[in-house]
């Protein structure tokens, strides 16, 4: 049996995890069996003053008879002596569980089971299909709102090369920095990056609003627009905002690279090695010196140093925290721009709202959506796939995500 730890999502899952409560939950999950054994070693004496050992065993055996053995224990939140979990069973049921520990003995002195409900078999199949992908992969499907709940998760905390998803952090930083949508940013030659997008051909000094730059960044994947936007925001400001935007390891994105910088580093293994061997604080000056090098690359490449060395790393949990940030801010222009984002799969008809981002570079796919279905339920769907060795098959990544989007629209 495995204990699946789903990370804190901003205010959604605010508590850190505590090992004693997690261990107790795992042992309690093992008691869901035809013949429970060992309840007297797990529960406190005060607990058995309220219920007999025979009655408690009957509760666990009854859960087993109705729903089967527990396969995953999903942590929702925990404190030093309390925890809320889901017990997911082999037959596709989810049992919400709350438990508390005696502060002196560390034994369980309270446990409460809410009614079980069926997990979505389509989402379970999506997780299995992701599990079968080669390379490194991670997935998080969760319901947002007042009672947030992870529906399926596979390596949700794993930091992977997320490529084009970096653009969403620029949108979030606009809100954190309270940058006016109408602010004029004049295009500089130093902003020019490679295609796609029209701005790398526009004359220096062209006046553009922050809103226009964000729209080109999200809707067109215009790297020149994103580099101009990063300059307007300030690299250090974006880095400072990453924690508030939900990134759990913001140091992975420091320095927060311009696309032109990433392209120049990927084009020269020697320059990339110099950069990577520098202390983090010295990398900023190195990047300034790199700006004079010709920009000959026209697309991102897999590179010789590994996908996660040069670029932008994020986990599905990071990306869902970012979607929760946008949902909580409820900023109309930002949500409209997020709808222009380009996840690699279009959400099917029927959603009241669907926004997000992501895309593909050689060796990686990333995708994240903020969704509100016809029943007004909100969801985050996030996935990242990296493979250093093989060319990725688009259908292998996009097919399961299409299934998940269809399932969530009908939830």
Protein backbone atom coordinates (compact mmCIF):
# COMPACT_ATOMS: atom_id res chain seq x y z
CA UNK A 1 0.00 0.00 0.00
CA UNK A 2 1.31 3.48 -0.81
CA UNK A 3 0.70 6.80 0.89
CA UNK A 4 0.03 9.42 -1.76
CA UNK A 5 0.85 12.92 -0.50
CA UNK A 6 -0.99 15.64 -2.39
CA UNK A 7 0.70 19.01 -1.74
CA UNK A 8 -0.73 22.16 -0.19
CA UNK A 9 -2.41 24.31 -2.85
CA UNK A 10 -2.21 27.86 -1.51
CA UNK A 11 -5.13 28.18 0.92
CA UNK A 12 -6.70 25.05 -0.48
CA UNK A 13 -4.47 22.66 1.48
CA UNK A 14 -2.84 24.95 4.03
CA UNK A 15 -1.40 22.46 6.50
CA UNK A 16 1.97 20.78 6.35
CA UNK A 17 2.07 17.02 6.70
CA UNK A 18 2.95 15.30 9.98
CA UNK A 19 4.52 11.85 9.92
CA UNK A 20 2.76 10.44 13.00
CA UNK A 21 -0.70 11.18 11.64
CA UNK A 22 0.25 9.85 8.19
CA UNK A 23 1.61 6.62 9.64
CA UNK A 24 -1.51 6.14 11.74
CA UNK A 25 -3.69 6.67 8.67
CA UNK A 26 -1.70 4.11 6.69
CA UNK A 27 -2.07 1.54 9.49
CA UNK A 28 -5.79 2.27 9.81
CA UNK A 29 -6.19 1.79 6.05
CA UNK A 30 -4.62 -1.67 6.37
CA UNK A 31 -7.40 -2.61 8.82
CA UNK A 32 -9.96 -2.40 6.04
CA UNK A 33 -9.91 -6.16 5.61
CA UNK A 34 -12.12 -9.22 5.94
CA UNK A 35 -10.58 -9.94 9.34
CA UNK A 36 -8.99 -6.80 10.83
CA UNK A 37 -6.05 -7.53 13.11
CA UNK A 38 -4.18 -5.25 15.49
CA UNK A 39 -6.78 -2.62 16.37
CA UNK A 40 -5.79 -2.86 20.04
CA UNK A 41 -2.24 -1.74 19.16
CA UNK A 42 -3.36 1.24 17.07
CA UNK A 43 -6.21 2.74 19.11
CA UNK A 44 -5.97 4.31 22.57
CA UNK A 45 -7.57 3.05 25.76
CA UNK A 46 -9.83 6.10 25.85
CA UNK A 47 -11.10 5.23 22.38
CA UNK A 48 -12.16 1.76 23.53
CA UNK A 49 -14.19 3.30 26.33
CA UNK A 50 -16.51 4.56 23.60
CA UNK A 51 -16.65 1.49 21.37
CA UNK A 52 -15.66 -2.13 21.81
CA UNK A 53 -12.88 -3.80 19.85
CA UNK A 54 -15.50 -6.15 18.33
CA UNK A 55 -17.61 -3.21 17.15
CA UNK A 56 -14.57 -1.45 15.69
CA UNK A 57 -13.49 -4.58 13.82
CA UNK A 58 -17.01 -4.81 12.44
CA UNK A 59 -16.74 -1.26 11.08
CA UNK A 60 -13.51 -2.08 9.23
CA UNK A 61 -14.73 -5.43 7.92
CA UNK A 62 -17.96 -3.75 6.80
CA UNK A 63 -16.01 -1.18 4.81
CA UNK A 64 -14.03 -4.01 3.21
CA UNK A 65 -17.19 -5.94 2.30
CA UNK A 66 -18.78 -2.90 0.71
CA UNK A 67 -15.81 -1.29 -1.01
CA UNK A 68 -12.78 -3.61 -1.02
CA UNK A 69 -9.26 -3.16 0.32
CA UNK A 70 -7.59 0.26 0.40
CA UNK A 71 -4.99 0.78 -2.33
CA UNK A 72 -4.07 4.46 -1.79
CA UNK A 73 -4.18 6.74 1.24
CA UNK A 74 -4.50 10.34 0.05
CA UNK A 75 -3.51 13.07 2.48
CA UNK A 76 -5.69 16.18 2.33
CA UNK A 77 -4.44 18.08 5.38
CA UNK A 78 -2.85 17.33 8.73
CA UNK A 79 -1.67 18.87 11.97
CA UNK A 80 0.45 17.40 14.77
CA UNK A 81 -2.44 15.28 16.06
CA UNK A 82 -5.21 15.44 13.42
CA UNK A 83 -5.55 14.57 9.77
CA UNK A 84 -8.03 14.36 6.92
CA UNK A 85 -7.53 11.66 4.29
CA UNK A 86 -9.16 9.73 1.49
CA UNK A 87 -8.99 5.94 1.49
CA UNK A 88 -9.17 4.87 -2.17
CA UNK A 89 -10.07 1.24 -2.69
CA UNK A 90 -9.17 -1.32 -5.30
CA UNK A 91 -12.77 -1.43 -6.53
CA UNK A 92 -12.92 2.29 -7.30
CA UNK A 93 -14.43 3.80 -4.13
CA UNK A 94 -13.22 6.79 -2.13
CA UNK A 95 -13.82 6.96 1.63
CA UNK A 96 -13.27 10.36 3.37
CA UNK A 97 -11.61 9.82 6.76
CA UNK A 98 -10.81 12.15 9.68
CA UNK A 99 -8.71 10.94 12.60
CA UNK A 100 -7.05 12.31 15.71
CA UNK A 101 -4.22 11.06 17.91
CA UNK A 102 -3.82 11.01 21.67
CA UNK A 103 -1.13 13.57 22.43
CA UNK A 104 0.59 11.38 25.02
CA UNK A 105 0.52 7.91 23.50
CA UNK A 106 0.36 8.83 19.81
CA UNK A 107 -2.43 6.27 19.35
CA UNK A 108 -5.67 6.99 17.51
CA UNK A 109 -8.31 8.36 19.89
CA UNK A 110 -10.86 9.34 17.24
CA UNK A 111 -11.77 8.27 13.72
CA UNK A 112 -14.69 9.27 11.51
CA UNK A 113 -15.69 7.78 8.14
CA UNK A 114 -17.88 9.84 5.79
CA UNK A 115 -20.01 8.04 3.18
CA UNK A 116 -17.98 6.49 0.37
CA UNK A 117 -18.50 7.46 -3.25
CA UNK A 118 -17.38 6.13 -6.61
CA UNK A 119 -14.27 7.52 -8.27
CA UNK A 120 -14.56 8.36 -11.95
CA UNK A 121 -13.32 5.30 -13.88
CA UNK A 122 -12.38 7.49 -16.85
CA UNK A 123 -10.03 9.60 -14.72
CA UNK A 124 -8.57 6.45 -13.18
CA UNK A 125 -7.84 5.19 -16.70
CA UNK A 126 -6.23 8.54 -17.58
CA UNK A 127 -3.86 8.09 -14.66
CA UNK A 128 -3.03 4.55 -15.77
CA UNK A 129 -2.30 5.72 -19.31
CA UNK A 130 0.04 8.38 -17.97
CA UNK A 131 1.73 5.82 -15.76
CA UNK A 132 2.56 3.79 -18.87
CA UNK A 133 4.34 6.66 -20.65
CA UNK A 134 8.13 6.36 -20.97
CA UNK A 135 10.40 8.95 -19.39
CA UNK A 136 9.30 11.22 -16.53
CA UNK A 137 5.66 12.19 -16.23
CA UNK A 138 3.36 13.85 -13.71
CA UNK A 139 -0.36 14.49 -13.52
CA UNK A 140 -2.84 16.20 -11.20
CA UNK A 141 -6.61 16.34 -11.66
CA UNK A 142 -8.40 18.15 -8.87
CA UNK A 143 -11.69 19.76 -8.00
CA UNK A 144 -11.32 23.34 -6.77
CA UNK A 145 -13.73 25.40 -4.68
CA UNK A 146 -14.73 25.39 -1.02
CA UNK A 147 -13.97 21.69 -0.62
CA UNK A 148 -10.95 21.11 -2.92
CA UNK A 149 -10.20 17.50 -3.70
CA UNK A 150 -7.55 15.69 -5.76
CA UNK A 151 -9.39 13.32 -8.07
CA UNK A 152 -6.33 11.60 -9.54
CA UNK A 153 -2.62 12.25 -9.10
CA UNK A 154 0.61 10.80 -10.43
CA UNK A 155 3.88 12.29 -9.13
CA UNK A 156 2.07 15.63 -8.63
CA UNK A 157 5.04 17.27 -6.85
CA UNK A 158 7.70 16.26 -9.38
CA UNK A 159 9.43 19.29 -10.88
CA UNK A 160 9.81 18.75 -14.61
CA UNK A 161 10.72 20.90 -17.60
CA UNK A 162 7.39 22.64 -18.29
CA UNK A 163 8.50 24.69 -21.31
CA UNK A 164 5.83 27.07 -22.63
CA UNK A 165 3.88 26.99 -19.36
CA UNK A 166 6.33 29.65 -18.09
CA UNK A 167 4.14 32.26 -19.81
CA UNK A 168 1.43 31.80 -17.20
CA UNK A 169 3.77 33.04 -14.47
CA UNK A 170 4.16 36.31 -16.38
CA UNK A 171 0.38 36.72 -16.37
CA UNK A 172 0.29 36.03 -12.64
CA UNK A 173 3.11 38.52 -12.00
CA UNK A 174 1.12 41.25 -13.77
CA UNK A 175 -1.55 40.83 -11.10
CA UNK A 176 0.91 40.57 -8.22
CA UNK A 177 2.80 43.67 -9.36
CA UNK A 178 -0.46 45.51 -10.08
CA UNK A 179 0.88 46.50 -13.47
CA UNK A 180 -1.71 48.51 -15.36
CA UNK A 181 -3.10 46.78 -18.43
CA UNK A 182 -2.89 50.16 -20.21
CA UNK A 183 0.78 50.78 -19.37
CA UNK A 184 2.80 51.45 -22.55
CA UNK A 185 5.96 49.40 -23.12
CA UNK A 186 8.19 50.47 -26.02
CA UNK A 187 9.75 47.57 -27.87
CA UNK A 188 13.54 47.35 -27.65
CA UNK A 189 15.97 45.48 -29.87
CA UNK A 190 17.05 43.57 -26.75
CA UNK A 191 13.52 42.14 -26.51
CA UNK A 192 13.74 40.39 -29.86
CA UNK A 193 13.55 36.63 -29.73
CA UNK A 194 12.95 33.98 -32.36
CA UNK A 195 9.64 33.28 -34.10
CA UNK A 196 6.78 32.41 -33.74
CA UNK A 197 4.89 35.67 -33.43
CA UNK A 198 5.11 38.95 -35.33
CA UNK A 199 6.89 41.21 -32.82
CA UNK A 200 10.46 40.17 -33.63
CA UNK A 201 9.97 41.96 -36.97
CA UNK A 202 8.44 45.14 -35.51
CA UNK A 203 10.56 48.32 -35.38
CA UNK A 204 12.30 49.37 -32.19
CA UNK A 205 10.25 51.81 -30.15
CA UNK A 206 6.89 50.36 -31.18
CA UNK A 207 4.47 51.23 -28.34
CA UNK A 208 2.52 48.30 -26.93
CA UNK A 209 0.28 48.02 -23.90
CA UNK A 210 0.87 45.41 -21.21
CA UNK A 211 -2.47 43.90 -22.24
CA UNK A 212 -1.33 43.57 -25.87
CA UNK A 213 1.96 41.97 -24.85
CA UNK A 214 0.16 39.49 -22.59
CA UNK A 215 -2.35 38.67 -25.34
CA UNK A 216 0.41 38.03 -27.89
CA UNK A 217 2.34 35.96 -25.34
CA UNK A 218 -0.62 33.72 -24.49
CA UNK A 219 -2.58 33.61 -27.75
CA UNK A 220 0.27 33.60 -30.27
CA UNK A 221 3.14 32.17 -28.25
CA UNK A 222 5.11 35.28 -29.23
CA UNK A 223 8.46 34.97 -27.47
CA UNK A 224 9.45 38.57 -28.23
CA UNK A 225 6.25 39.71 -26.51
CA UNK A 226 7.01 37.56 -23.48
CA UNK A 227 10.58 38.89 -23.24
CA UNK A 228 9.33 42.48 -23.46
CA UNK A 229 6.77 41.68 -20.77
CA UNK A 230 9.45 40.18 -18.52
CA UNK A 231 11.50 43.37 -18.92
CA UNK A 232 8.47 45.53 -18.05
CA UNK A 233 7.76 43.47 -14.95
CA UNK A 234 11.37 43.15 -13.86
CA UNK A 235 13.07 39.77 -13.66
CA UNK A 236 13.63 39.99 -9.91
CA UNK A 237 10.01 40.98 -9.32
CA UNK A 238 8.75 37.93 -11.21
CA UNK A 239 11.10 35.72 -9.20
CA UNK A 240 9.92 37.26 -5.94
CA UNK A 241 6.28 36.60 -6.92
CA UNK A 242 6.77 32.91 -7.72
CA UNK A 243 6.06 31.73 -4.17
CA UNK A 244 2.81 33.70 -3.99
CA UNK A 245 1.91 32.26 -7.40
CA UNK A 246 2.23 28.78 -5.95
CA UNK A 247 5.62 27.54 -7.12
CA UNK A 248 7.00 25.25 -4.40
CA UNK A 249 10.68 25.48 -5.48
CA UNK A 250 11.07 29.01 -6.91
CA UNK A 251 14.85 28.69 -6.92
CA UNK A 252 14.52 26.40 -9.93
CA UNK A 253 13.35 29.42 -11.93
CA UNK A 254 16.12 31.77 -10.81
CA UNK A 255 17.25 33.47 -12.92
CA UNK A 256 13.86 33.57 -14.69
CA UNK A 257 15.12 33.30 -18.24
CA UNK A 258 14.07 35.33 -21.24
CA UNK A 259 13.37 33.06 -24.20
CA UNK A 260 16.25 34.67 -26.11
CA UNK A 261 18.59 33.76 -23.23
CA UNK A 262 17.37 30.17 -23.16
CA UNK A 263 17.86 29.91 -26.93
CA UNK A 264 21.40 31.29 -26.77
CA UNK A 265 22.35 28.93 -23.95
CA UNK A 266 20.88 25.93 -25.76
CA UNK A 267 22.74 26.88 -28.93
CA UNK A 268 26.15 26.65 -27.22
CA UNK A 269 26.99 23.78 -24.88
CA UNK A 270 30.15 25.63 -23.82
CA UNK A 271 28.26 28.77 -22.79
CA UNK A 272 25.60 26.68 -21.08
CA UNK A 273 28.23 24.84 -19.01
CA UNK A 274 29.83 28.13 -17.97
CA UNK A 275 26.41 29.43 -16.93
CA UNK A 276 25.44 26.30 -14.98
CA UNK A 277 28.75 26.20 -13.11
CA UNK A 278 28.34 29.75 -11.83
CA UNK A 279 26.82 30.52 -8.40
CA UNK A 280 23.23 31.60 -8.87
CA UNK A 281 23.89 35.28 -8.05
CA UNK A 282 26.61 35.46 -10.70
CA UNK A 283 24.40 34.08 -13.45
CA UNK A 284 22.56 37.38 -13.87
CA UNK A 285 25.68 39.19 -15.00
CA UNK A 286 26.57 36.32 -17.31
CA UNK A 287 23.16 36.63 -18.98
CA UNK A 288 23.75 40.36 -19.48
CA UNK A 289 26.99 39.56 -21.30
CA UNK A 290 25.28 36.88 -23.38
CA UNK A 291 22.85 39.42 -24.85
CA UNK A 292 25.39 40.51 -27.45
CA UNK A 293 25.68 37.02 -28.97
CA UNK A 294 23.83 36.49 -32.27
CA UNK A 295 20.48 34.77 -31.97
CA UNK A 296 20.54 32.13 -34.69
CA UNK A 297 18.32 29.44 -33.22
CA UNK A 298 14.74 29.48 -34.47
CA UNK A 299 13.28 26.89 -32.12
CA UNK A 300 13.91 25.36 -28.75
CA UNK A 301 15.91 22.14 -28.82
CA UNK A 302 16.35 19.20 -26.51
CA UNK A 303 19.95 20.27 -25.86
CA UNK A 304 22.94 18.25 -24.71
CA UNK A 305 22.63 19.08 -21.02
CA UNK A 306 19.18 17.76 -20.22
CA UNK A 307 15.71 19.21 -20.39
CA UNK A 308 15.65 20.51 -16.83
CA UNK A 309 18.97 22.40 -16.95
CA UNK A 310 18.05 25.31 -19.22
CA UNK A 311 14.44 26.45 -19.14
CA UNK A 312 11.50 26.62 -16.76
CA UNK A 313 10.60 23.82 -14.35
CA UNK A 314 7.24 23.29 -12.64
CA UNK A 315 5.19 20.44 -11.22
CA UNK A 316 1.48 19.81 -11.85
CA UNK A 317 0.86 20.86 -8.25
CA UNK A 318 2.69 24.15 -8.89
CA UNK A 319 0.56 24.75 -11.98
CA UNK A 320 -2.68 23.97 -10.15
CA UNK A 321 -1.72 26.39 -7.39
CA UNK A 322 -1.24 28.99 -10.12
CA UNK A 323 -4.71 28.23 -11.51
CA UNK A 324 -6.12 28.54 -7.99
CA UNK A 325 -4.45 31.95 -7.76
CA UNK A 326 -6.18 33.12 -10.94
CA UNK A 327 -9.50 31.71 -9.79
CA UNK A 328 -9.21 33.40 -6.41
CA UNK A 329 -8.24 36.79 -7.87
CA UNK A 330 -11.21 36.72 -10.29
CA UNK A 331 -9.59 39.46 -12.38
CA UNK A 332 -11.71 39.79 -15.54
CA UNK A 333 -8.93 40.84 -17.96
CA UNK A 334 -6.58 38.15 -16.63
CA UNK A 335 -9.21 35.42 -16.94
CA UNK A 336 -10.07 36.59 -20.46
CA UNK A 337 -6.38 36.43 -21.40
CA UNK A 338 -6.08 33.00 -19.80
CA UNK A 339 -8.87 31.88 -22.14
CA UNK A 340 -6.57 32.87 -25.01
CA UNK A 341 -3.87 30.55 -23.68
CA UNK A 342 -2.82 27.62 -25.80
CA UNK A 343 -2.95 24.28 -24.01
CA UNK A 344 -2.12 21.58 -26.55
CA UNK A 345 -5.72 20.30 -26.45
CA UNK A 346 -8.80 22.46 -26.84
CA UNK A 347 -11.42 21.92 -24.13
CA UNK A 348 -14.66 20.49 -25.55
CA UNK A 349 -17.86 22.51 -25.84
CA UNK A 350 -19.98 22.74 -22.74
CA UNK A 351 -17.59 24.41 -20.31
CA UNK A 352 -18.67 27.73 -18.82
CA UNK A 353 -14.97 28.61 -18.65
CA UNK A 354 -11.77 27.04 -19.93
CA UNK A 355 -8.40 28.76 -19.77
CA UNK A 356 -4.82 27.65 -19.42
CA UNK A 357 -1.58 27.15 -21.26
CA UNK A 358 1.32 24.89 -22.07
CA UNK A 359 2.63 23.39 -25.26
CA UNK A 360 5.52 21.37 -26.66
CA UNK A 361 9.27 21.74 -27.03
CA UNK A 362 11.54 18.90 -28.16
CA UNK A 363 11.45 16.27 -25.43
CA UNK A 364 8.63 17.80 -23.40
CA UNK A 365 4.93 18.48 -23.25
CA UNK A 366 3.10 20.56 -20.66
CA UNK A 367 -0.55 21.47 -20.22
CA UNK A 368 -2.72 23.07 -17.57
CA UNK A 369 -6.36 24.16 -17.53
CA UNK A 370 -8.60 26.11 -15.20
CA UNK A 371 -12.09 24.76 -15.89
CA UNK A 372 -15.67 25.49 -14.87
CA UNK A 373 -18.18 22.99 -16.21
CA UNK A 374 -21.88 23.36 -16.91
CA UNK A 375 -22.62 22.43 -13.30
CA UNK A 376 -20.43 25.36 -12.15
CA UNK A 377 -17.85 23.00 -10.63
CA UNK A 378 -14.25 24.20 -10.94
CA UNK A 379 -11.32 21.96 -11.78
CA UNK A 380 -7.62 22.09 -12.48
CA UNK A 381 -6.09 19.61 -14.90
CA UNK A 382 -2.29 19.73 -15.18
CA UNK A 383 0.22 17.38 -16.78
CA UNK A 384 3.92 17.42 -17.75
CA UNK A 385 5.87 14.81 -19.71
CA UNK A 386 9.65 14.75 -20.29
CA UNK A 387 11.74 12.20 -22.16
CA UNK A 388 15.44 12.79 -22.72
CA UNK A 389 15.91 9.81 -25.01
CA UNK A 390 12.88 9.42 -27.24
CA UNK A 391 10.77 11.62 -29.49
CA UNK A 392 7.41 12.13 -27.83
CA UNK A 393 4.25 10.91 -29.53
CA UNK A 394 1.68 13.67 -29.31
CA UNK A 395 -1.22 11.23 -29.24
CA UNK A 396 0.18 9.48 -26.16
CA UNK A 397 0.02 12.73 -24.18
CA UNK A 398 -3.00 14.39 -25.73
CA UNK A 399 -5.29 11.35 -25.90
CA UNK A 400 -5.60 10.82 -22.12
CA UNK A 401 -6.03 14.56 -21.58
CA UNK A 402 -8.91 14.68 -24.06
CA UNK A 403 -10.56 11.89 -22.10
CA UNK A 404 -10.08 13.78 -18.84
CA UNK A 405 -11.51 16.98 -20.30
CA UNK A 406 -14.58 15.09 -21.55
CA UNK A 407 -15.07 13.44 -18.17
CA UNK A 408 -14.76 16.68 -16.18
CA UNK A 409 -17.18 18.50 -18.46
CA UNK A 410 -19.82 15.91 -17.58
CA UNK A 411 -19.02 15.73 -13.85
